[in-house]
Amino acid sequence: MDSVEQFDVIVIGAGIIGSWTAYHLAKSGKSTLLLEQFPALHTRGSSHGASRILRKSYVDRTLRCNDVRSVSTVGGDGEIERDWIYENNGSPIDFQNSTRSRGERHKVV
């Protein structure tokens, strides 16, 4: 009888999003299998080519800032560039009003 390996999570697609997801799942202690149908450096992925784009502008501003903090942590420098947040998510006032309207606790530093 063949042995069967079991995983906590199987991620299908080893593109930028799938790889990022698998990395963080494995880092959190999950037994993770990452599957990809094409060879490395192929040009047939969903984020490849001139007609493909990942848009962050459709995401709620509060969630976007949490993502920025996550990316900063992954990068290892531990700092969030203020200009990046303001440039991509509106003015500080827009952010404060948006956050306040949802009852989110926040602090401007």
PDB file of N, CA and C in Angstrom:
ATOM      1  N   MET A   1       0.841  -1.179   0.000  1.00  0.00           N
ATOM      2  CA  MET A   1       0.000   0.000   0.000  1.00  0.00           C
ATOM      3  C   MET A   1       0.883   1.238   0.000  1.00  0.00           C
ATOM      4  N   ASP A   2       0.576   2.176  -0.880  1.00  0.00           N
ATOM      5  CA  ASP A   2       1.341   3.421  -0.953  1.00  0.00           C
ATOM      6  C   ASP A   2       1.012   4.316   0.237  1.00  0.00           C
ATOM      7  N   SER A   3       2.035   5.044   0.685  1.00  0.00           N
ATOM      8  CA  SER A   3       1.769   5.995   1.763  1.00  0.00           C
ATOM      9  C   SER A   3       1.166   7.271   1.170  1.00  0.00           C
ATOM     10  N   VAL A   4       0.323   7.895   1.925  1.00  0.00           N
ATOM     11  CA  VAL A   4      -0.339   9.123   1.484  1.00  0.00           C
ATOM     12  C   VAL A   4       0.086  10.249   2.414  1.00  0.00           C
ATOM     13  N   GLU A   5       0.606  11.315   1.819  1.00  0.00           N
ATOM     14  CA  GLU A   5       0.976  12.474   2.623  1.00  0.00           C
ATOM     15  C   GLU A   5      -0.241  13.344   2.834  1.00  0.00           C
ATOM     16  N   GLN A   6      -0.359  13.902   4.013  1.00  0.00           N
ATOM     17  CA  GLN A   6      -1.472  14.797   4.306  1.00  0.00           C
ATOM     18  C   GLN A   6      -0.935  16.185   4.613  1.00  0.00           C
ATOM     19  N   PHE A   7      -1.683  17.184   4.212  1.00  0.00           N
ATOM     20  CA  PHE A   7      -1.305  18.577   4.428  1.00  0.00           C
ATOM     21  C   PHE A   7      -2.456  19.319   5.095  1.00  0.00           C
ATOM     22  N   ASP A   8      -2.101  20.319   5.872  1.00  0.00           N
ATOM     23  CA  ASP A   8      -3.131  21.184   6.457  1.00  0.00           C
ATOM     24  C   ASP A   8      -3.795  22.017   5.365  1.00  0.00           C
ATOM     25  N   VAL A   9      -2.975  22.488   4.420  1.00  0.00           N
ATOM     26  CA  VAL A   9      -3.461  23.384   3.369  1.00  0.00           C
ATOM     27  C   VAL A   9      -2.794  23.036   2.045  1.00  0.00           C
ATOM     28  N   ILE A  10      -3.568  23.085   0.967  1.00  0.00           N
ATOM     29  CA  ILE A  10      -3.014  22.949  -0.383  1.00  0.00           C
ATOM     30  C   ILE A  10      -3.350  24.231  -1.128  1.00  0.00           C
ATOM     31  N   VAL A  11      -2.322  24.905  -1.637  1.00  0.00           N
ATOM     32  CA  VAL A  11      -2.501  26.143  -2.393  1.00  0.00           C
ATOM     33  C   VAL A  11      -2.299  25.818  -3.864  1.00  0.00           C
ATOM     34  N   ILE A  12      -3.276  26.153  -4.683  1.00  0.00           N
ATOM     35  CA  ILE A  12      -3.195  25.879  -6.118  1.00  0.00           C
ATOM     36  C   ILE A  12      -2.814  27.160  -6.844  1.00  0.00           C
ATOM     37  N   GLY A  13      -1.669  27.121  -7.502  1.00  0.00           N
ATOM     38  CA  GLY A  13      -1.156  28.282  -8.230  1.00  0.00           C
ATOM     39  C   GLY A  13       0.022  28.891  -7.496  1.00  0.00           C
ATOM     40  N   ALA A  14       1.207  28.817  -8.105  1.00  0.00           N
ATOM     41  CA  ALA A  14       2.427  29.308  -7.467  1.00  0.00           C
ATOM     42  C   ALA A  14       2.855  30.662  -8.018  1.00  0.00           C
ATOM     43  N   GLY A  15       1.870  31.455  -8.432  1.00  0.00           N
ATOM     44  CA  GLY A  15       2.171  32.822  -8.851  1.00  0.00           C
ATOM     45  C   GLY A  15       2.458  33.681  -7.631  1.00  0.00           C
ATOM     46  N   ILE A  16       2.430  34.973  -7.808  1.00  0.00           N
ATOM     47  CA  ILE A  16       2.782  35.877  -6.717  1.00  0.00           C
ATOM     48  C   ILE A  16       1.830  35.737  -5.532  1.00  0.00           C
ATOM     49  N   ILE A  17       0.546  35.627  -5.787  1.00  0.00           N
ATOM     50  CA  ILE A  17      -0.427  35.521  -4.696  1.00  0.00           C
ATOM     51  C   ILE A  17      -0.365  34.144  -4.038  1.00  0.00           C
ATOM     52  N   GLY A  18      -0.321  33.089  -4.840  1.00  0.00           N
ATOM     53  CA  GLY A  18      -0.239  31.738  -4.294  1.00  0.00           C
ATOM     54  C   GLY A  18       1.043  31.505  -3.516  1.00  0.00           C
ATOM     55  N   SER A  19       2.157  31.983  -4.043  1.00  0.00           N
ATOM     56  CA  SER A  19       3.444  31.823  -3.355  1.00  0.00           C
ATOM     57  C   SER A  19       3.449  32.569  -2.029  1.00  0.00           C
ATOM     58  N   TRP A  20       2.926  33.795  -2.048  1.00  0.00           N
ATOM     59  CA  TRP A  20       2.860  34.595  -0.824  1.00  0.00           C
ATOM     60  C   TRP A  20       1.995  33.882   0.213  1.00  0.00           C
ATOM     61  N   THR A  21       0.856  33.375  -0.224  1.00  0.00           N
ATOM     62  CA  THR A  21      -0.065  32.683   0.676  1.00  0.00           C
ATOM     63  C   THR A  21       0.588  31.434   1.260  1.00  0.00           C
ATOM     64  N   ALA A  22       1.200  30.618   0.406  1.00  0.00           N
ATOM     65  CA  ALA A  22       1.855  29.389   0.868  1.00  0.00           C
ATOM     66  C   ALA A  22       2.990  29.702   1.841  1.00  0.00           C
ATOM     67  N   TYR A  23       3.766  30.728   1.539  1.00  0.00           N
ATOM     68  CA  TYR A  23       4.879  31.125   2.410  1.00  0.00           C
ATOM     69  C   TYR A  23       4.370  31.442   3.815  1.00  0.00           C
ATOM     70  N   HIS A  24       3.328  32.265   3.896  1.00  0.00           N
ATOM     71  CA  HIS A  24       2.828  32.681   5.206  1.00  0.00           C
ATOM     72  C   HIS A  24       2.119  31.549   5.944  1.00  0.00           C
ATOM     73  N   LEU A  25       1.457  30.674   5.219  1.00  0.00           N
ATOM     74  CA  LEU A  25       0.854  29.509   5.869  1.00  0.00           C
ATOM     75  C   LEU A  25       1.934  28.611   6.464  1.00  0.00           C
ATOM     76  N   ALA A  26       2.977  28.341   5.684  1.00  0.00           N
ATOM     77  CA  ALA A  26       4.081  27.502   6.171  1.00  0.00           C
ATOM     78  C   ALA A  26       4.786  28.170   7.346  1.00  0.00           C
ATOM     79  N   LYS A  27       4.979  29.475   7.249  1.00  0.00           N
ATOM     80  CA  LYS A  27       5.642  30.226   8.316  1.00  0.00           C
ATOM     81  C   LYS A  27       4.830  30.173   9.614  1.00  0.00           C
ATOM     82  N   SER A  28       3.499  30.082   9.473  1.00  0.00           N
ATOM     83  CA  SER A  28       2.639  30.021  10.660  1.00  0.00           C
ATOM     84  C   SER A  28       2.542  28.602  11.230  1.00  0.00           C
ATOM     85  N   GLY A  29       3.251  27.651  10.604  1.00  0.00           N
ATOM     86  CA  GLY A  29       3.283  26.292  11.134  1.00  0.00           C
ATOM     87  C   GLY A  29       2.363  25.304  10.442  1.00  0.00           C
ATOM     88  N   LYS A  30       1.664  25.749   9.420  1.00  0.00           N
ATOM     89  CA  LYS A  30       0.774  24.845   8.683  1.00  0.00           C
ATOM     90  C   LYS A  30       1.589  23.986   7.719  1.00  0.00           C
ATOM     91  N   SER A  31       1.242  22.724   7.633  1.00  0.00           N
ATOM     92  CA  SER A  31       1.847  21.839   6.641  1.00  0.00           C
ATOM     93  C   SER A  31       1.233  22.224   5.299  1.00  0.00           C
ATOM     94  N   THR A  32       2.050  22.748   4.381  1.00  0.00           N
ATOM     95  CA  THR A  32       1.535  23.382   3.166  1.00  0.00           C
ATOM     96  C   THR A  32       2.116  22.758   1.907  1.00  0.00           C
ATOM     97  N   LEU A  33       1.239  22.503   0.932  1.00  0.00           N
ATOM     98  CA  LEU A  33       1.662  22.031  -0.381  1.00  0.00           C
ATOM     99  C   LEU A  33       1.279  23.095  -1.396  1.00  0.00           C
ATOM    100  N   LEU A  34       2.236  23.515  -2.217  1.00  0.00           N
ATOM    101  CA  LEU A  34       2.006  24.520  -3.257  1.00  0.00           C
ATOM    102  C   LEU A  34       2.087  23.830  -4.611  1.00  0.00           C
ATOM    103  N   LEU A  35       1.015  23.917  -5.396  1.00  0.00           N
ATOM    104  CA  LEU A  35       0.953  23.263  -6.706  1.00  0.00           C
ATOM    105  C   LEU A  35       0.929  24.296  -7.827  1.00  0.00           C
ATOM    106  N   GLU A  36       1.637  24.004  -8.925  1.00  0.00           N
ATOM    107  CA  GLU A  36       1.641  24.871 -10.107  1.00  0.00           C
ATOM    108  C   GLU A  36       1.643  23.984 -11.341  1.00  0.00           C
ATOM    109  N   GLN A  37       0.820  24.304 -12.317  1.00  0.00           N
ATOM    110  CA  GLN A  37       0.722  23.471 -13.518  1.00  0.00           C
ATOM    111  C   GLN A  37       1.782  23.787 -14.566  1.00  0.00           C
ATOM    112  N   PHE A  38       2.369  24.978 -14.514  1.00  0.00           N
ATOM    113  CA  PHE A  38       3.347  25.369 -15.526  1.00  0.00           C
ATOM    114  C   PHE A  38       4.761  25.386 -14.939  1.00  0.00           C
ATOM    115  N   PRO A  39       5.797  25.304 -15.797  1.00  0.00           N
ATOM    116  CA  PRO A  39       7.177  25.373 -15.302  1.00  0.00           C
ATOM    117  C   PRO A  39       7.505  26.780 -14.786  1.00  0.00           C
ATOM    118  N   ALA A  40       8.563  26.870 -14.011  1.00  0.00           N
ATOM    119  CA  ALA A  40       8.990  28.169 -13.468  1.00  0.00           C
ATOM    120  C   ALA A  40       9.250  29.175 -14.588  1.00  0.00           C
ATOM    121  N   LEU A  41       8.957  30.432 -14.300  1.00  0.00           N
ATOM    122  CA  LEU A  41       9.180  31.557 -15.217  1.00  0.00           C
ATOM    123  C   LEU A  41       8.352  31.483 -16.495  1.00  0.00           C
ATOM    124  N   HIS A  42       7.190  30.824 -16.436  1.00  0.00           N
ATOM    125  CA  HIS A  42       6.304  30.764 -17.601  1.00  0.00           C
ATOM    126  C   HIS A  42       5.623  32.119 -17.811  1.00  0.00           C
ATOM    127  N   THR A  43       4.966  32.276 -18.938  1.00  0.00           N
ATOM    128  CA  THR A  43       4.296  33.543 -19.257  1.00  0.00           C
ATOM    129  C   THR A  43       2.786  33.365 -19.394  1.00  0.00           C
ATOM    130  N   ARG A  44       2.241  32.366 -18.707  1.00  0.00           N
ATOM    131  CA  ARG A  44       0.817  32.078 -18.864  1.00  0.00           C
ATOM    132  C   ARG A  44       0.011  32.308 -17.584  1.00  0.00           C
ATOM    133  N   GLY A  45       0.580  32.987 -16.638  1.00  0.00           N
ATOM    134  CA  GLY A  45      -0.107  33.214 -15.368  1.00  0.00           C
ATOM    135  C   GLY A  45      -1.110  34.350 -15.411  1.00  0.00           C
ATOM    136  N   SER A  46      -1.950  34.409 -14.401  1.00  0.00           N
ATOM    137  CA  SER A  46      -3.003  35.428 -14.367  1.00  0.00           C
ATOM    138  C   SER A  46      -2.462  36.825 -14.113  1.00  0.00           C
ATOM    139  N   SER A  47      -1.249  36.952 -13.607  1.00  0.00           N
ATOM    140  CA  SER A  47      -0.696  38.289 -13.373  1.00  0.00           C
ATOM    141  C   SER A  47       0.401  38.632 -14.380  1.00  0.00           C
ATOM    142  N   HIS A  48       0.474  37.906 -15.482  1.00  0.00           N
ATOM    143  CA  HIS A  48       1.510  38.152 -16.484  1.00  0.00           C
ATOM    144  C   HIS A  48       0.918  38.856 -17.702  1.00  0.00           C
ATOM    145  N   GLY A  49       1.689  39.731 -18.299  1.00  0.00           N
ATOM    146  CA  GLY A  49       1.263  40.373 -19.543  1.00  0.00           C
ATOM    147  C   GLY A  49       0.670  41.754 -19.337  1.00  0.00           C
ATOM    148  N   ALA A  50       0.556  42.483 -20.433  1.00  0.00           N
ATOM    149  CA  ALA A  50       0.099  43.871 -20.382  1.00  0.00           C
ATOM    150  C   ALA A  50      -1.361  44.005 -19.967  1.00  0.00           C
ATOM    151  N   SER A  51      -2.151  42.976 -20.169  1.00  0.00           N
ATOM    152  CA  SER A  51      -3.575  43.083 -19.840  1.00  0.00           C
ATOM    153  C   SER A  51      -3.893  42.616 -18.425  1.00  0.00           C
ATOM    154  N   ARG A  52      -2.887  42.284 -17.653  1.00  0.00           N
ATOM    155  CA  ARG A  52      -3.106  41.780 -16.300  1.00  0.00           C
ATOM    156  C   ARG A  52      -2.695  42.840 -15.291  1.00  0.00           C
ATOM    157  N   ILE A  53      -3.497  42.966 -14.245  1.00  0.00           N
ATOM    158  CA  ILE A  53      -3.169  43.936 -13.208  1.00  0.00           C
ATOM    159  C   ILE A  53      -3.848  43.534 -11.903  1.00  0.00           C
ATOM    160  N   LEU A  54      -3.174  43.759 -10.814  1.00  0.00           N
ATOM    161  CA  LEU A  54      -3.757  43.588  -9.493  1.00  0.00           C
ATOM    162  C   LEU A  54      -4.005  44.989  -8.954  1.00  0.00           C
ATOM    163  N   ARG A  55      -5.227  45.286  -8.606  1.00  0.00           N
ATOM    164  CA  ARG A  55      -5.568  46.634  -8.148  1.00  0.00           C
ATOM    165  C   ARG A  55      -5.793  46.644  -6.640  1.00  0.00           C
ATOM    166  N   LYS A  56      -5.101  47.525  -5.972  1.00  0.00           N
ATOM    167  CA  LYS A  56      -5.312  47.686  -4.543  1.00  0.00           C
ATOM    168  C   LYS A  56      -6.336  48.771  -4.251  1.00  0.00           C
ATOM    169  N   SER A  57      -6.707  49.550  -5.246  1.00  0.00           N
ATOM    170  CA  SER A  57      -7.584  50.693  -5.024  1.00  0.00           C
ATOM    171  C   SER A  57      -9.015  50.309  -4.685  1.00  0.00           C
ATOM    172  N   TYR A  58      -9.401  49.071  -4.892  1.00  0.00           N
ATOM    173  CA  TYR A  58     -10.763  48.656  -4.590  1.00  0.00           C
ATOM    174  C   TYR A  58     -10.919  48.142  -3.162  1.00  0.00           C
ATOM    175  N   VAL A  59      -9.838  48.115  -2.420  1.00  0.00           N
ATOM    176  CA  VAL A  59      -9.859  47.562  -1.071  1.00  0.00           C
ATOM    177  C   VAL A  59     -10.144  48.674  -0.066  1.00  0.00           C
ATOM    178  N   ASP A  60     -10.904  48.358   0.959  1.00  0.00           N
ATOM    179  CA  ASP A  60     -11.192  49.297   2.030  1.00  0.00           C
ATOM    180  C   ASP A  60      -9.895  49.887   2.581  1.00  0.00           C
ATOM    181  N   ARG A  61      -9.889  51.173   2.851  1.00  0.00           N
ATOM    182  CA  ARG A  61      -8.659  51.855   3.288  1.00  0.00           C
ATOM    183  C   ARG A  61      -8.090  51.280   4.580  1.00  0.00           C
ATOM    184  N   THR A  62      -8.946  50.940   5.518  1.00  0.00           N
ATOM    185  CA  THR A  62      -8.454  50.380   6.777  1.00  0.00           C
ATOM    186  C   THR A  62      -7.751  49.054   6.524  1.00  0.00           C
ATOM    187  N   LEU A  63      -8.354  48.206   5.704  1.00  0.00           N
ATOM    188  CA  LEU A  63      -7.725  46.931   5.374  1.00  0.00           C
ATOM    189  C   LEU A  63      -6.425  47.152   4.625  1.00  0.00           C
ATOM    190  N   ARG A  64      -6.389  48.107   3.722  1.00  0.00           N
ATOM    191  CA  ARG A  64      -5.185  48.406   2.942  1.00  0.00           C
ATOM    192  C   ARG A  64      -4.035  48.785   3.866  1.00  0.00           C
ATOM    193  N   CYS A  65      -4.296  49.609   4.886  1.00  0.00           N
ATOM    194  CA  CYS A  65      -3.229  49.995   5.814  1.00  0.00           C
ATOM    195  C   CYS A  65      -2.730  48.795   6.597  1.00  0.00           C
ATOM    196  N   ASN A  66      -3.637  47.880   6.936  1.00  0.00           N
ATOM    197  CA  ASN A  66      -3.195  46.646   7.591  1.00  0.00           C
ATOM    198  C   ASN A  66      -2.296  45.846   6.667  1.00  0.00           C
ATOM    199  N   ASP A  67      -2.613  45.812   5.369  1.00  0.00           N
ATOM    200  CA  ASP A  67      -1.763  45.130   4.400  1.00  0.00           C
ATOM    201  C   ASP A  67      -0.398  45.782   4.321  1.00  0.00           C
ATOM    202  N   VAL A  68      -0.364  47.107   4.352  1.00  0.00           N
ATOM    203  CA  VAL A  68       0.910  47.827   4.292  1.00  0.00           C
ATOM    204  C   VAL A  68       1.763  47.448   5.487  1.00  0.00           C
ATOM    205  N   ARG A  69       1.144  47.368   6.662  1.00  0.00           N
ATOM    206  CA  ARG A  69       1.901  46.962   7.849  1.00  0.00           C
ATOM    207  C   ARG A  69       2.430  45.541   7.686  1.00  0.00           C
ATOM    208  N   SER A  70       1.616  44.658   7.119  1.00  0.00           N
ATOM    209  CA  SER A  70       2.032  43.280   6.888  1.00  0.00           C
ATOM    210  C   SER A  70       3.209  43.224   5.929  1.00  0.00           C
ATOM    211  N   VAL A  71       3.122  43.962   4.835  1.00  0.00           N
ATOM    212  CA  VAL A  71       4.215  43.987   3.858  1.00  0.00           C
ATOM    213  C   VAL A  71       5.471  44.536   4.503  1.00  0.00           C
ATOM    214  N   SER A  72       5.314  45.559   5.327  1.00  0.00           N
ATOM    215  CA  SER A  72       6.460  46.140   6.003  1.00  0.00           C
ATOM    216  C   SER A  72       7.110  45.113   6.921  1.00  0.00           C
ATOM    217  N   THR A  73       6.297  44.330   7.625  1.00  0.00           N
ATOM    218  CA  THR A  73       6.823  43.291   8.503  1.00  0.00           C
ATOM    219  C   THR A  73       7.550  42.227   7.695  1.00  0.00           C
ATOM    220  N   VAL A  74       6.956  41.822   6.578  1.00  0.00           N
ATOM    221  CA  VAL A  74       7.586  40.826   5.717  1.00  0.00           C
ATOM    222  C   VAL A  74       8.913  41.344   5.204  1.00  0.00           C
ATOM    223  N   GLY A  75       8.952  42.640   4.861  1.00  0.00           N
ATOM    224  CA  GLY A  75      10.178  43.245   4.359  1.00  0.00           C
ATOM    225  C   GLY A  75      11.274  43.302   5.402  1.00  0.00           C
ATOM    226  N   GLY A  76      10.883  43.254   6.671  1.00  0.00           N
ATOM    227  CA  GLY A  76      11.867  43.202   7.729  1.00  0.00           C
ATOM    228  C   GLY A  76      12.324  44.544   8.257  1.00  0.00           C
ATOM    229  N   ASP A  77      11.961  45.647   7.586  1.00  0.00           N
ATOM    230  CA  ASP A  77      12.456  46.931   8.066  1.00  0.00           C
ATOM    231  C   ASP A  77      11.579  47.506   9.173  1.00  0.00           C
ATOM    232  N   GLY A  78      10.360  46.983   9.317  1.00  0.00           N
ATOM    233  CA  GLY A  78       9.496  47.398  10.404  1.00  0.00           C
ATOM    234  C   GLY A  78       8.949  48.802  10.296  1.00  0.00           C
ATOM    235  N   GLU A  79       9.142  49.480   9.187  1.00  0.00           N
ATOM    236  CA  GLU A  79       8.664  50.845   9.035  1.00  0.00           C
ATOM    237  C   GLU A  79       7.676  50.951   7.887  1.00  0.00           C
ATOM    238  N   ILE A  80       6.685  51.782   8.080  1.00  0.00           N
ATOM    239  CA  ILE A  80       5.708  52.051   7.030  1.00  0.00           C
ATOM    240  C   ILE A  80       6.010  53.438   6.482  1.00  0.00           C
ATOM    241  N   GLU A  81       6.124  53.542   5.197  1.00  0.00           N
ATOM    242  CA  GLU A  81       6.378  54.844   4.596  1.00  0.00           C
ATOM    243  C   GLU A  81       5.070  55.615   4.512  1.00  0.00           C
ATOM    244  N   ARG A  82       4.987  56.733   5.228  1.00  0.00           N
ATOM    245  CA  ARG A  82       3.764  57.541   5.242  1.00  0.00           C
ATOM    246  C   ARG A  82       3.355  57.962   3.837  1.00  0.00           C
ATOM    247  N   ASP A  83       4.300  58.373   3.023  1.00  0.00           N
ATOM    248  CA  ASP A  83       3.974  58.852   1.678  1.00  0.00           C
ATOM    249  C   ASP A  83       3.243  57.783   0.886  1.00  0.00           C
ATOM    250  N   TRP A  84       3.629  56.539   1.072  1.00  0.00           N
ATOM    251  CA  TRP A  84       2.983  55.451   0.333  1.00  0.00           C
ATOM    252  C   TRP A  84       1.515  55.363   0.716  1.00  0.00           C
ATOM    253  N   ILE A  85       1.223  55.438   2.006  1.00  0.00           N
ATOM    254  CA  ILE A  85      -0.165  55.342   2.462  1.00  0.00           C
ATOM    255  C   ILE A  85      -0.984  56.504   1.912  1.00  0.00           C
ATOM    256  N   TYR A  86      -0.476  57.709   2.030  1.00  0.00           N
ATOM    257  CA  TYR A  86      -1.229  58.881   1.586  1.00  0.00           C
ATOM    258  C   TYR A  86      -1.400  58.888   0.073  1.00  0.00           C
ATOM    259  N   GLU A  87      -0.338  58.558  -0.621  1.00  0.00           N
ATOM    260  CA  GLU A  87      -0.371  58.587  -2.083  1.00  0.00           C
ATOM    261  C   GLU A  87      -1.370  57.585  -2.643  1.00  0.00           C
ATOM    262  N   ASN A  88      -1.467  56.432  -2.039  1.00  0.00           N
ATOM    263  CA  ASN A  88      -2.298  55.364  -2.580  1.00  0.00           C
ATOM    264  C   ASN A  88      -3.675  55.243  -1.941  1.00  0.00           C
ATOM    265  N   ASN A  89      -3.893  55.920  -0.860  1.00  0.00           N
ATOM    266  CA  ASN A  89      -5.169  55.757  -0.161  1.00  0.00           C
ATOM    267  C   ASN A  89      -5.862  57.070   0.162  1.00  0.00           C
ATOM    268  N   GLY A  90      -5.447  58.168  -0.401  1.00  0.00           N
ATOM    269  CA  GLY A  90      -6.090  59.443  -0.117  1.00  0.00           C
ATOM    270  C   GLY A  90      -5.339  60.219   0.938  1.00  0.00           C
ATOM    271  N   SER A  91      -5.883  61.359   1.284  1.00  0.00           N
ATOM    272  CA  SER A  91      -5.224  62.230   2.261  1.00  0.00           C
ATOM    273  C   SER A  91      -5.374  61.662   3.666  1.00  0.00           C
ATOM    274  N   PRO A  92      -4.548  62.159   4.613  1.00  0.00           N
ATOM    275  CA  PRO A  92      -4.695  61.707   6.003  1.00  0.00           C
ATOM    276  C   PRO A  92      -6.092  62.008   6.543  1.00  0.00           C
ATOM    277  N   ILE A  93      -6.673  63.130   6.120  1.00  0.00           N
ATOM    278  CA  ILE A  93      -8.013  63.484   6.579  1.00  0.00           C
ATOM    279  C   ILE A  93      -9.027  62.470   6.054  1.00  0.00           C
ATOM    280  N   ASP A  94      -8.925  62.104   4.778  1.00  0.00           N
ATOM    281  CA  ASP A  94      -9.821  61.087   4.216  1.00  0.00           C
ATOM    282  C   ASP A  94      -9.715  59.792   5.009  1.00  0.00           C
ATOM    283  N   PHE A  95      -8.499  59.408   5.329  1.00  0.00           N
ATOM    284  CA  PHE A  95      -8.284  58.165   6.067  1.00  0.00           C
ATOM    285  C   PHE A  95      -8.915  58.255   7.451  1.00  0.00           C
ATOM    286  N   GLN A  96      -8.680  59.375   8.150  1.00  0.00           N
ATOM    287  CA  GLN A  96      -9.250  59.540   9.489  1.00  0.00           C
ATOM    288  C   GLN A  96     -10.775  59.507   9.448  1.00  0.00           C
ATOM    289  N   ASN A  97     -11.368  60.242   8.513  1.00  0.00           N
ATOM    290  CA  ASN A  97     -12.829  60.275   8.414  1.00  0.00           C
ATOM    291  C   ASN A  97     -13.388  58.898   8.076  1.00  0.00           C
ATOM    292  N   SER A  98     -12.742  58.213   7.162  1.00  0.00           N
ATOM    293  CA  SER A  98     -13.183  56.883   6.765  1.00  0.00           C
ATOM    294  C   SER A  98     -13.095  55.917   7.945  1.00  0.00           C
ATOM    295  N   THR A  99     -11.997  55.976   8.661  1.00  0.00           N
ATOM    296  CA  THR A  99     -11.790  55.103   9.812  1.00  0.00           C
ATOM    297  C   THR A  99     -12.787  55.430  10.919  1.00  0.00           C
ATOM    298  N   ARG A 100     -12.946  56.707  11.204  1.00  0.00           N
ATOM    299  CA  ARG A 100     -13.867  57.151  12.254  1.00  0.00           C
ATOM    300  C   ARG A 100     -15.306  56.736  11.932  1.00  0.00           C
ATOM    301  N   SER A 101     -15.700  56.836  10.661  1.00  0.00           N
ATOM    302  CA  SER A 101     -17.077  56.507  10.278  1.00  0.00           C
ATOM    303  C   SER A 101     -17.406  55.035  10.531  1.00  0.00           C
ATOM    304  N   ARG A 102     -16.396  54.180  10.578  1.00  0.00           N
ATOM    305  CA  ARG A 102     -16.607  52.764  10.850  1.00  0.00           C
ATOM    306  C   ARG A 102     -16.444  52.422  12.324  1.00  0.00           C
ATOM    307  N   GLY A 103     -16.121  53.434  13.132  1.00  0.00           N
ATOM    308  CA  GLY A 103     -15.931  53.179  14.556  1.00  0.00           C
ATOM    309  C   GLY A 103     -14.630  52.465  14.864  1.00  0.00           C
ATOM    310  N   GLU A 104     -13.683  52.500  13.925  1.00  0.00           N
ATOM    311  CA  GLU A 104     -12.385  51.848  14.134  1.00  0.00           C
ATOM    312  C   GLU A 104     -11.530  52.692  15.079  1.00  0.00           C
ATOM    313  N   ARG A 105     -10.932  52.050  16.060  1.00  0.00           N
ATOM    314  CA  ARG A 105      -9.994  52.761  16.934  1.00  0.00           C
ATOM    315  C   ARG A 105      -8.723  53.010  16.153  1.00  0.00           C
ATOM    316  N   HIS A 106      -8.206  54.204  16.243  1.00  0.00           N
ATOM    317  CA  HIS A 106      -6.979  54.536  15.524  1.00  0.00           C
ATOM    318  C   HIS A 106      -6.259  55.675  16.224  1.00  0.00           C
ATOM    319  N   LYS A 107      -5.014  55.838  15.862  1.00  0.00           N
ATOM    320  CA  LYS A 107      -4.204  56.907  16.427  1.00  0.00           C
ATOM    321  C   LYS A 107      -3.319  57.447  15.318  1.00  0.00           C
ATOM    322  N   VAL A 108      -3.336  58.748  15.141  1.00  0.00           N
ATOM    323  CA  VAL A 108      -2.474  59.379  14.150  1.00  0.00           C
ATOM    324  C   VAL A 108      -1.181  59.753  14.854  1.00  0.00           C
ATOM    325  N   VAL A 109      -0.077  59.276  14.328  1.00  0.00           N
ATOM    326  CA  VAL A 109       1.232  59.566  14.932  1.00  0.00           C
ATOM    327  C   VAL A 109       2.088  60.387  13.999  1.00  0.00           C
TER     328      VAL A 109
END
